Amino acid sequence: MRRMNLRTARGFSLIEVLIAVLVLSIGLLGLAGMQAASLRFNHNAYMRSQATFLAHDVIERMRANRTQALAGAYAIGFGGAPTAGTVAGDDLTQWKARLAGELPQGDGSVAVSAAGIATVEVRWDDARGDVGGENPDGGGPLIFRVTAGL
């Protein structure tokens, strides 16, 4: 039988193992950071989708009640409380309740021009949002605007 010399034995040294663990941990930290960013962007996209849906919801309600919409019955500002009892008032009451329930600190405003152009603005607290064009500070209130003809 042949005896192995300790000098000819091959294997990993402790320094190689430590470097491999360091490289692996840096990779896992990068993966965790990408996962956190993905969750934040996904939540932001969901809030924008909800705002779009809710803005188009009130536009479709105005199109269904076009005569009253052109007469200004749907005009309301941020923080305004609609008066229930009419079709327009009930539509706005339901719309404002949905905004408050589906968006964080959600609120909305509606303006209709004499030419029949409706401008709907939806505002919510985008505290988890990204820094970008309409959100330069990366948080706080974000306003989403939709303009459509009635």
N, C-alpha and C. Protein backbone atom coordinates (compact mmCIF):
# COMPACT_ATOMS: atom_id res chain seq x y z
N MET A 1 0.81 -1.16 0.00
CA MET A 1 0.00 0.00 0.00
C MET A 1 0.87 1.24 0.00
N ARG A 2 0.38 2.21 -0.67
CA ARG A 2 1.14 3.43 -0.83
C ARG A 2 0.75 4.45 0.23
N ARG A 3 1.71 5.09 0.81
CA ARG A 3 1.44 6.10 1.83
C ARG A 3 1.38 7.48 1.19
N MET A 4 0.40 8.29 1.62
CA MET A 4 0.26 9.64 1.08
C MET A 4 1.11 10.60 1.88
N ASN A 5 1.77 11.40 1.17
CA ASN A 5 2.56 12.43 1.79
C ASN A 5 1.63 13.62 2.07
N LEU A 6 1.71 14.25 3.20
CA LEU A 6 0.85 15.37 3.55
C LEU A 6 1.05 16.56 2.61
N ARG A 7 2.24 16.68 2.06
CA ARG A 7 2.51 17.79 1.16
C ARG A 7 1.82 17.62 -0.19
N THR A 8 1.56 16.43 -0.60
CA THR A 8 0.92 16.20 -1.90
C THR A 8 -0.61 16.14 -1.78
N ALA A 9 -1.15 16.11 -0.58
CA ALA A 9 -2.61 16.07 -0.41
C ALA A 9 -3.20 17.39 -0.88
N ARG A 10 -4.28 17.28 -1.63
CA ARG A 10 -4.94 18.48 -2.15
C ARG A 10 -6.29 18.65 -1.46
N GLY A 11 -6.78 19.90 -1.43
CA GLY A 11 -8.08 20.21 -0.83
C GLY A 11 -8.24 21.71 -0.73
N PHE A 12 -9.32 22.13 -0.12
CA PHE A 12 -9.59 23.55 0.04
C PHE A 12 -8.92 24.04 1.30
N SER A 13 -8.34 25.20 1.18
CA SER A 13 -7.78 25.82 2.38
C SER A 13 -8.87 26.66 3.03
N LEU A 14 -8.63 27.04 4.23
CA LEU A 14 -9.60 27.83 4.98
C LEU A 14 -9.85 29.17 4.30
N ILE A 15 -8.85 29.78 3.73
CA ILE A 15 -9.02 31.08 3.07
C ILE A 15 -9.91 30.95 1.84
N GLU A 16 -9.80 29.86 1.11
CA GLU A 16 -10.66 29.66 -0.06
C GLU A 16 -12.12 29.49 0.35
N VAL A 17 -12.35 28.77 1.43
CA VAL A 17 -13.71 28.58 1.94
C VAL A 17 -14.30 29.92 2.39
N LEU A 18 -13.52 30.73 3.08
CA LEU A 18 -14.01 32.03 3.54
C LEU A 18 -14.34 32.94 2.36
N ILE A 19 -13.55 32.93 1.32
CA ILE A 19 -13.84 33.76 0.14
C ILE A 19 -15.11 33.28 -0.54
N ALA A 20 -15.29 31.96 -0.64
CA ALA A 20 -16.51 31.43 -1.25
C ALA A 20 -17.75 31.82 -0.44
N VAL A 21 -17.67 31.78 0.88
CA VAL A 21 -18.79 32.18 1.73
C VAL A 21 -19.06 33.67 1.57
N LEU A 22 -18.01 34.48 1.47
CA LEU A 22 -18.18 35.92 1.27
C LEU A 22 -18.89 36.22 -0.06
N VAL A 23 -18.45 35.57 -1.13
CA VAL A 23 -19.07 35.79 -2.44
C VAL A 23 -20.54 35.35 -2.41
N LEU A 24 -20.83 34.22 -1.79
CA LEU A 24 -22.20 33.72 -1.69
C LEU A 24 -23.07 34.68 -0.88
N SER A 25 -22.56 35.21 0.22
CA SER A 25 -23.36 36.11 1.05
C SER A 25 -23.64 37.43 0.34
N ILE A 26 -22.68 37.95 -0.42
CA ILE A 26 -22.92 39.18 -1.20
C ILE A 26 -24.00 38.93 -2.25
N GLY A 27 -23.95 37.77 -2.89
CA GLY A 27 -24.97 37.42 -3.87
C GLY A 27 -26.36 37.31 -3.25
N LEU A 28 -26.45 36.70 -2.08
CA LEU A 28 -27.74 36.57 -1.40
C LEU A 28 -28.28 37.92 -0.93
N LEU A 29 -27.39 38.81 -0.50
CA LEU A 29 -27.83 40.16 -0.11
C LEU A 29 -28.37 40.92 -1.32
N GLY A 30 -27.72 40.77 -2.47
CA GLY A 30 -28.22 41.41 -3.69
C GLY A 30 -29.57 40.85 -4.09
N LEU A 31 -29.75 39.55 -3.95
CA LEU A 31 -31.03 38.92 -4.26
C LEU A 31 -32.14 39.43 -3.34
N ALA A 32 -31.85 39.58 -2.06
CA ALA A 32 -32.83 40.11 -1.11
C ALA A 32 -33.19 41.55 -1.44
N GLY A 33 -32.21 42.34 -1.85
CA GLY A 33 -32.49 43.72 -2.25
C GLY A 33 -33.37 43.80 -3.48
N MET A 34 -33.12 42.92 -4.45
CA MET A 34 -33.96 42.90 -5.65
C MET A 34 -35.39 42.47 -5.31
N GLN A 35 -35.55 41.54 -4.40
CA GLN A 35 -36.88 41.10 -3.99
C GLN A 35 -37.64 42.24 -3.31
N ALA A 36 -36.98 42.99 -2.45
CA ALA A 36 -37.63 44.12 -1.78
C ALA A 36 -38.04 45.20 -2.78
N ALA A 37 -37.17 45.50 -3.74
CA ALA A 37 -37.51 46.49 -4.77
C ALA A 37 -38.67 45.99 -5.62
N SER A 38 -38.69 44.72 -5.94
CA SER A 38 -39.77 44.15 -6.74
C SER A 38 -41.11 44.27 -6.01
N LEU A 39 -41.13 44.01 -4.73
CA LEU A 39 -42.37 44.15 -3.95
C LEU A 39 -42.85 45.60 -3.94
N ARG A 40 -41.93 46.54 -3.78
CA ARG A 40 -42.30 47.95 -3.74
C ARG A 40 -42.87 48.40 -5.09
N PHE A 41 -42.22 48.01 -6.18
CA PHE A 41 -42.69 48.40 -7.51
C PHE A 41 -44.02 47.74 -7.84
N ASN A 42 -44.20 46.50 -7.41
CA ASN A 42 -45.45 45.80 -7.65
C ASN A 42 -46.60 46.48 -6.91
N HIS A 43 -46.36 46.90 -5.68
CA HIS A 43 -47.39 47.61 -4.91
C HIS A 43 -47.72 48.95 -5.56
N ASN A 44 -46.71 49.65 -6.03
CA ASN A 44 -46.92 50.93 -6.70
C ASN A 44 -47.76 50.74 -7.96
N ALA A 45 -47.47 49.71 -8.74
CA ALA A 45 -48.24 49.44 -9.96
C ALA A 45 -49.68 49.07 -9.62
N TYR A 46 -49.88 48.35 -8.54
CA TYR A 46 -51.24 48.00 -8.12
C TYR A 46 -52.03 49.26 -7.74
N MET A 47 -51.41 50.17 -7.01
CA MET A 47 -52.10 51.41 -6.64
C MET A 47 -52.45 52.24 -7.87
N ARG A 48 -51.57 52.32 -8.83
CA ARG A 48 -51.85 53.05 -10.07
C ARG A 48 -52.97 52.39 -10.86
N SER A 49 -53.01 51.07 -10.87
CA SER A 49 -54.10 50.36 -11.55
C SER A 49 -55.43 50.65 -10.88
N GLN A 50 -55.44 50.64 -9.56
CA GLN A 50 -56.67 50.95 -8.83
C GLN A 50 -57.12 52.39 -9.11
N ALA A 51 -56.18 53.32 -9.13
CA ALA A 51 -56.52 54.72 -9.41
C ALA A 51 -57.09 54.86 -10.82
N THR A 52 -56.51 54.18 -11.78
CA THR A 52 -57.01 54.22 -13.15
C THR A 52 -58.42 53.66 -13.22
N PHE A 53 -58.63 52.52 -12.60
CA PHE A 53 -59.95 51.89 -12.61
C PHE A 53 -61.00 52.81 -11.97
N LEU A 54 -60.66 53.40 -10.83
CA LEU A 54 -61.62 54.26 -10.13
C LEU A 54 -61.89 55.56 -10.90
N ALA A 55 -60.89 56.11 -11.57
CA ALA A 55 -61.11 57.31 -12.38
C ALA A 55 -62.05 57.00 -13.54
N HIS A 56 -61.84 55.88 -14.19
CA HIS A 56 -62.71 55.51 -15.30
C HIS A 56 -64.11 55.11 -14.82
N ASP A 57 -64.20 54.64 -13.58
CA ASP A 57 -65.50 54.31 -13.01
C ASP A 57 -66.40 55.55 -12.94
N VAL A 58 -65.87 56.66 -12.42
CA VAL A 58 -66.70 57.87 -12.31
C VAL A 58 -66.95 58.47 -13.70
N ILE A 59 -66.02 58.32 -14.62
CA ILE A 59 -66.26 58.82 -15.98
C ILE A 59 -67.41 58.05 -16.62
N GLU A 60 -67.45 56.75 -16.44
CA GLU A 60 -68.55 55.95 -17.00
C GLU A 60 -69.87 56.29 -16.32
N ARG A 61 -69.84 56.58 -15.04
CA ARG A 61 -71.06 57.01 -14.35
C ARG A 61 -71.56 58.34 -14.92
N MET A 62 -70.62 59.25 -15.23
CA MET A 62 -71.02 60.53 -15.82
C MET A 62 -71.57 60.34 -17.23
N ARG A 63 -70.99 59.42 -17.98
CA ARG A 63 -71.50 59.16 -19.33
C ARG A 63 -72.90 58.57 -19.29
N ALA A 64 -73.20 57.80 -18.25
CA ALA A 64 -74.53 57.23 -18.10
C ALA A 64 -75.55 58.30 -17.72
N ASN A 65 -75.10 59.36 -17.09
CA ASN A 65 -75.97 60.46 -16.66
C ASN A 65 -75.44 61.75 -17.29
N ARG A 66 -75.31 61.74 -18.61
CA ARG A 66 -74.63 62.81 -19.35
C ARG A 66 -75.26 64.18 -19.14
N THR A 67 -76.58 64.25 -19.13
CA THR A 67 -77.26 65.54 -18.98
C THR A 67 -76.86 66.24 -17.68
N GLN A 68 -76.88 65.49 -16.59
CA GLN A 68 -76.50 66.06 -15.30
C GLN A 68 -74.99 66.35 -15.23
N ALA A 69 -74.21 65.50 -15.88
CA ALA A 69 -72.76 65.72 -15.87
C ALA A 69 -72.41 67.02 -16.58
N LEU A 70 -73.05 67.26 -17.73
CA LEU A 70 -72.79 68.51 -18.46
C LEU A 70 -73.32 69.73 -17.72
N ALA A 71 -74.32 69.52 -16.86
CA ALA A 71 -74.86 70.62 -16.06
C ALA A 71 -74.02 70.92 -14.83
N GLY A 72 -72.98 70.11 -14.58
CA GLY A 72 -72.08 70.38 -13.46
C GLY A 72 -72.44 69.66 -12.18
N ALA A 73 -73.35 68.70 -12.24
CA ALA A 73 -73.77 68.00 -11.02
C ALA A 73 -72.67 67.11 -10.46
N TYR A 74 -71.68 66.74 -11.26
CA TYR A 74 -70.61 65.87 -10.80
C TYR A 74 -69.37 66.64 -10.35
N ALA A 75 -69.38 67.93 -10.43
CA ALA A 75 -68.21 68.73 -10.04
C ALA A 75 -68.02 68.65 -8.53
N ILE A 76 -66.82 68.24 -8.15
CA ILE A 76 -66.48 68.13 -6.72
C ILE A 76 -64.97 68.27 -6.59
N GLY A 77 -64.53 68.82 -5.49
CA GLY A 77 -63.09 69.00 -5.26
C GLY A 77 -62.56 67.99 -4.25
N PHE A 78 -61.25 68.04 -4.05
CA PHE A 78 -60.63 67.19 -3.04
C PHE A 78 -61.19 67.58 -1.67
N GLY A 79 -61.56 66.60 -0.89
CA GLY A 79 -62.10 66.85 0.44
C GLY A 79 -63.57 67.22 0.44
N GLY A 80 -64.16 67.41 -0.72
CA GLY A 80 -65.58 67.77 -0.79
C GLY A 80 -66.46 66.59 -0.46
N ALA A 81 -67.58 66.88 0.16
CA ALA A 81 -68.55 65.84 0.51
C ALA A 81 -69.77 65.98 -0.40
N PRO A 82 -70.06 64.95 -1.19
CA PRO A 82 -71.22 65.03 -2.08
C PRO A 82 -72.52 64.92 -1.30
N THR A 83 -73.57 65.47 -1.87
CA THR A 83 -74.89 65.40 -1.27
C THR A 83 -75.65 64.25 -1.90
N ALA A 84 -76.01 63.28 -1.09
CA ALA A 84 -76.74 62.12 -1.60
C ALA A 84 -78.20 62.50 -1.85
N GLY A 85 -78.89 61.67 -2.61
CA GLY A 85 -80.30 61.91 -2.88
C GLY A 85 -80.59 62.06 -4.36
N THR A 86 -79.59 62.45 -5.14
CA THR A 86 -79.74 62.51 -6.58
C THR A 86 -78.86 61.42 -7.18
N VAL A 87 -79.03 61.14 -8.46
CA VAL A 87 -78.20 60.13 -9.11
C VAL A 87 -76.73 60.55 -9.06
N ALA A 88 -76.46 61.82 -9.39
CA ALA A 88 -75.09 62.31 -9.37
C ALA A 88 -74.52 62.29 -7.95
N GLY A 89 -75.30 62.70 -6.98
CA GLY A 89 -74.85 62.70 -5.59
C GLY A 89 -74.57 61.29 -5.08
N ASP A 90 -75.45 60.35 -5.44
CA ASP A 90 -75.23 58.97 -5.03
C ASP A 90 -73.99 58.38 -5.71
N ASP A 91 -73.81 58.69 -7.00
CA ASP A 91 -72.62 58.21 -7.71
C ASP A 91 -71.35 58.73 -7.06
N LEU A 92 -71.33 60.02 -6.74
CA LEU A 92 -70.13 60.61 -6.12
C LEU A 92 -69.90 60.08 -4.72
N THR A 93 -70.98 59.85 -3.97
CA THR A 93 -70.84 59.29 -2.62
C THR A 93 -70.22 57.91 -2.67
N GLN A 94 -70.72 57.07 -3.59
CA GLN A 94 -70.15 55.72 -3.74
C GLN A 94 -68.71 55.78 -4.23
N TRP A 95 -68.44 56.68 -5.17
CA TRP A 95 -67.09 56.80 -5.71
C TRP A 95 -66.09 57.25 -4.65
N LYS A 96 -66.47 58.27 -3.87
CA LYS A 96 -65.57 58.76 -2.81
C LYS A 96 -65.33 57.67 -1.76
N ALA A 97 -66.38 56.88 -1.45
CA ALA A 97 -66.22 55.80 -0.47
C ALA A 97 -65.26 54.74 -0.99
N ARG A 98 -65.35 54.42 -2.27
CA ARG A 98 -64.44 53.43 -2.86
C ARG A 98 -63.02 53.96 -2.89
N LEU A 99 -62.84 55.24 -3.19
CA LEU A 99 -61.50 55.83 -3.18
C LEU A 99 -60.87 55.71 -1.80
N ALA A 100 -61.66 56.06 -0.77
CA ALA A 100 -61.14 56.01 0.60
C ALA A 100 -60.87 54.58 1.04
N GLY A 101 -61.65 53.63 0.53
CA GLY A 101 -61.49 52.25 0.95
C GLY A 101 -60.40 51.48 0.21
N GLU A 102 -60.13 51.83 -1.04
CA GLU A 102 -59.20 51.04 -1.84
C GLU A 102 -57.82 51.67 -2.00
N LEU A 103 -57.70 52.94 -1.71
CA LEU A 103 -56.40 53.62 -1.80
C LEU A 103 -56.07 54.23 -0.45
N PRO A 104 -54.80 54.18 -0.03
CA PRO A 104 -54.45 54.81 1.24
C PRO A 104 -54.64 56.33 1.17
N GLN A 105 -55.50 56.84 2.04
CA GLN A 105 -55.86 58.26 2.07
C GLN A 105 -56.35 58.72 0.70
N GLY A 106 -57.14 57.86 0.05
CA GLY A 106 -57.63 58.15 -1.29
C GLY A 106 -58.69 59.23 -1.31
N ASP A 107 -58.63 60.10 -2.29
CA ASP A 107 -59.60 61.17 -2.48
C ASP A 107 -59.62 61.50 -3.96
N GLY A 108 -60.63 62.22 -4.39
CA GLY A 108 -60.72 62.54 -5.80
C GLY A 108 -61.44 63.85 -6.06
N SER A 109 -61.26 64.36 -7.26
CA SER A 109 -61.96 65.57 -7.69
C SER A 109 -62.40 65.37 -9.13
N VAL A 110 -63.50 66.04 -9.47
CA VAL A 110 -64.06 65.96 -10.82
C VAL A 110 -64.37 67.38 -11.27
N ALA A 111 -64.00 67.70 -12.50
CA ALA A 111 -64.34 68.99 -13.12
C ALA A 111 -64.80 68.70 -14.54
N VAL A 112 -65.86 69.38 -14.96
CA VAL A 112 -66.38 69.22 -16.31
C VAL A 112 -66.39 70.58 -16.98
N SER A 113 -65.76 70.67 -18.15
CA SER A 113 -65.72 71.94 -18.88
C SER A 113 -67.00 72.12 -19.68
N ALA A 114 -67.20 73.34 -20.18
CA ALA A 114 -68.39 73.64 -20.98
C ALA A 114 -68.39 72.85 -22.29
N ALA A 115 -67.22 72.43 -22.75
CA ALA A 115 -67.11 71.67 -23.98
C ALA A 115 -67.38 70.18 -23.76
N GLY A 116 -67.68 69.77 -22.53
CA GLY A 116 -67.97 68.38 -22.24
C GLY A 116 -66.75 67.53 -21.99
N ILE A 117 -65.66 68.14 -21.56
CA ILE A 117 -64.43 67.41 -21.23
C ILE A 117 -64.36 67.26 -19.71
N ALA A 118 -64.31 66.02 -19.26
CA ALA A 118 -64.23 65.74 -17.82
C ALA A 118 -62.78 65.52 -17.43
N THR A 119 -62.36 66.15 -16.35
CA THR A 119 -61.03 65.94 -15.78
C THR A 119 -61.22 65.34 -14.40
N VAL A 120 -60.74 64.13 -14.23
CA VAL A 120 -60.85 63.41 -12.96
C VAL A 120 -59.45 63.27 -12.38
N GLU A 121 -59.29 63.67 -11.14
CA GLU A 121 -58.01 63.54 -10.45
C GLU A 121 -58.20 62.63 -9.24
N VAL A 122 -57.30 61.68 -9.09
CA VAL A 122 -57.32 60.76 -7.96
C VAL A 122 -56.03 60.97 -7.19
N ARG A 123 -56.16 61.18 -5.88
CA ARG A 123 -54.99 61.43 -5.03
C ARG A 123 -54.93 60.36 -3.93
N TRP A 124 -53.72 59.87 -3.67
CA TRP A 124 -53.53 58.92 -2.59
C TRP A 124 -52.13 59.09 -2.03
N ASP A 125 -51.91 58.51 -0.85
CA ASP A 125 -50.60 58.59 -0.20
C ASP A 125 -49.72 57.49 -0.76
N ASP A 126 -48.67 57.89 -1.45
CA ASP A 126 -47.76 56.95 -2.10
C ASP A 126 -46.48 56.84 -1.27
N ALA A 127 -46.63 56.49 0.00
CA ALA A 127 -45.49 56.45 0.90
C ALA A 127 -44.46 55.41 0.50
N ARG A 128 -44.88 54.34 -0.17
CA ARG A 128 -43.95 53.29 -0.60
C ARG A 128 -43.50 53.48 -2.03
N GLY A 129 -43.87 54.60 -2.65
CA GLY A 129 -43.59 54.81 -4.06
C GLY A 129 -42.14 55.07 -4.36
N ASP A 130 -41.83 55.02 -5.64
CA ASP A 130 -40.47 55.24 -6.08
C ASP A 130 -40.26 56.71 -6.43
N VAL A 131 -39.03 57.13 -6.41
CA VAL A 131 -38.69 58.49 -6.79
C VAL A 131 -38.74 58.55 -8.31
N GLY A 132 -39.51 59.50 -8.84
CA GLY A 132 -39.63 59.57 -10.29
C GLY A 132 -40.29 60.85 -10.73
N GLY A 133 -40.74 60.87 -11.97
CA GLY A 133 -41.29 62.06 -12.61
C GLY A 133 -42.34 62.79 -11.80
N GLU A 134 -43.48 62.14 -11.54
CA GLU A 134 -44.55 62.83 -10.82
C GLU A 134 -44.41 62.68 -9.31
N ASN A 135 -43.42 61.96 -8.86
CA ASN A 135 -43.22 61.73 -7.44
C ASN A 135 -41.75 62.01 -7.09
N PRO A 136 -41.32 63.27 -7.16
CA PRO A 136 -39.89 63.56 -7.01
C PRO A 136 -39.32 63.25 -5.63
N ASP A 137 -40.17 63.23 -4.61
CA ASP A 137 -39.67 62.97 -3.27
C ASP A 137 -39.73 61.50 -2.88
N GLY A 138 -40.38 60.67 -3.70
CA GLY A 138 -40.46 59.25 -3.40
C GLY A 138 -41.41 58.93 -2.27
N GLY A 139 -42.47 59.62 -2.13
CA GLY A 139 -43.45 59.36 -1.09
C GLY A 139 -44.38 60.53 -0.94
N GLY A 140 -45.43 60.34 -0.18
CA GLY A 140 -46.40 61.40 0.02
C GLY A 140 -47.51 61.34 -1.01
N PRO A 141 -48.30 62.39 -1.09
CA PRO A 141 -49.46 62.36 -1.99
C PRO A 141 -49.07 62.32 -3.45
N LEU A 142 -49.75 61.48 -4.19
CA LEU A 142 -49.55 61.34 -5.62
C LEU A 142 -50.88 61.60 -6.30
N ILE A 143 -50.90 62.41 -7.34
CA ILE A 143 -52.14 62.73 -8.06
C ILE A 143 -52.07 62.10 -9.44
N PHE A 144 -53.13 61.37 -9.77
CA PHE A 144 -53.27 60.72 -11.06
C PHE A 144 -54.41 61.41 -11.79
N ARG A 145 -54.20 61.88 -13.00
CA ARG A 145 -55.19 62.68 -13.72
C ARG A 145 -55.63 61.96 -14.99
N VAL A 146 -56.96 61.92 -15.22
CA VAL A 146 -57.54 61.35 -16.42
C VAL A 146 -58.47 62.40 -17.03
N THR A 147 -58.32 62.64 -18.32
CA THR A 147 -59.20 63.57 -19.04
C THR A 147 -59.92 62.78 -20.13
N ALA A 148 -61.24 62.95 -20.19
CA ALA A 148 -62.03 62.21 -21.18
C ALA A 148 -63.23 63.05 -21.61
N GLY A 149 -63.65 62.79 -22.82
CA GLY A 149 -64.85 63.46 -23.31
C GLY A 149 -66.09 62.73 -22.88
N LEU A 150 -67.14 63.49 -22.61
CA LEU A 150 -68.42 62.88 -22.25
C LEU A 150 -69.22 62.75 -23.47
